[in-house]
Amino acid sequence: MGRYVGKRLLSAIPVLFIVGIIAFVLSHLSGGDPARVVAGNDATQAQVEAIRQQMGLNQSLPIQLWQWMINIFHGNLGYSYILGEQVTPTILSHIFPTLSVALFGEAISLVVAIPLGVLAADKHRRIADKIVLAFATLTTSLPSFLAGLLLMIVFVLQLKLLPASGFVDPNEDFAGYFSHLILPGVSVATLQIAIISRMTRSSMIDALGSDYMRTASAKGLTRSRQLWVHAFKNSSIPILTIIGQSFGELIAGAIVVETVFDVPGIGQLVVNSILRRDYQMIQGIMIFVALVFIIVNLITDVLYAVVDPRIRERSF
């Protein structure tokens, strides 16, 4: 298993390198002078040039890119001259609310989507299957930010059951922390539920028509055991694949939903950095999000190997 994980980590290095180049190029093509933004509109040209030299902008772009990439592989995502602080700790201070929303949304989607997919496959072409498909179609066409607004209207304005916005530290008030996560978590889970339930249904239908399922039925196993122990286990690889792939979309959805519910996470940091033209922070966030995607894909690959050891053996 160690060699398997090591190979996956090595394969992630080129991806991180390419993302770093793209982030650097896009930030320099966006227009504007970062030194002028830091200095302010009232600064003299001499002051702007001094700041440009301090920021290293007087060097050629290849040299700037090289130095930035070296810093990245040392864990240093740069320095925000707008905020006057290092990029890495600033991102880390905003990541907990984003991960809280994303992981809570993922938990909701798995708890809802997988049983729905299994039910739809077991009741294939019956009324229950059609209801699940209709529900999946509805949630697919509902963007996370729109779902958030609708939920806010119902549960905040009408029923007055949940807080409308904000974020609470779980160490200070865990009940408040949980209540503030419900609406944004459900909002980002809507699309996930549709994607995962459809894939679970499709994979389970294939598994239920296989020979080993007919054997399991002939042995007199209960329907529940047939579905969850035999069919679901053999359908888990494509389900894991879609969960890993869609988690990136869930992170992106969480960043958007944060703006709706005023959650002080990465989404709020991105919006503020764009408005401030804080190019160093934007570059750092792009690298950090890419790193999160790489970690999610690595976890997915490891789960492949756990579910099916033949995958691990073929990789050597």
Foldseek 3Di string as FASTA:
>chain_A
DVVLLVVLVVVCVVVLLVLLVVLLVVLVVPDDDPLCLLQDPPDDPVSSVVSCVVQVVVDDSVVVSVVCVVCVVVVFLAAFSNVGGGLRVVQVVFAVLLVLLLVLLLVVLVVQQLVLLLVLLVQPPDPSVVVSLVQLVVLQPQALQNQLVVCCCPCCVPVNPADQAEADDCVVPVVNRVRRSVSSSNSLNSNSSSQLNVLSNVQLNVLCPDPVLVVCVVVVDDPVCSRVVRSCLVSVLSSLVSSLVCSLVSSVSSLVNCVRRVYRHVNVVCVVCVVSSRSSNSSSSSSVSSVVSSVSVSVSLVVVCVSPVVSVVVVD
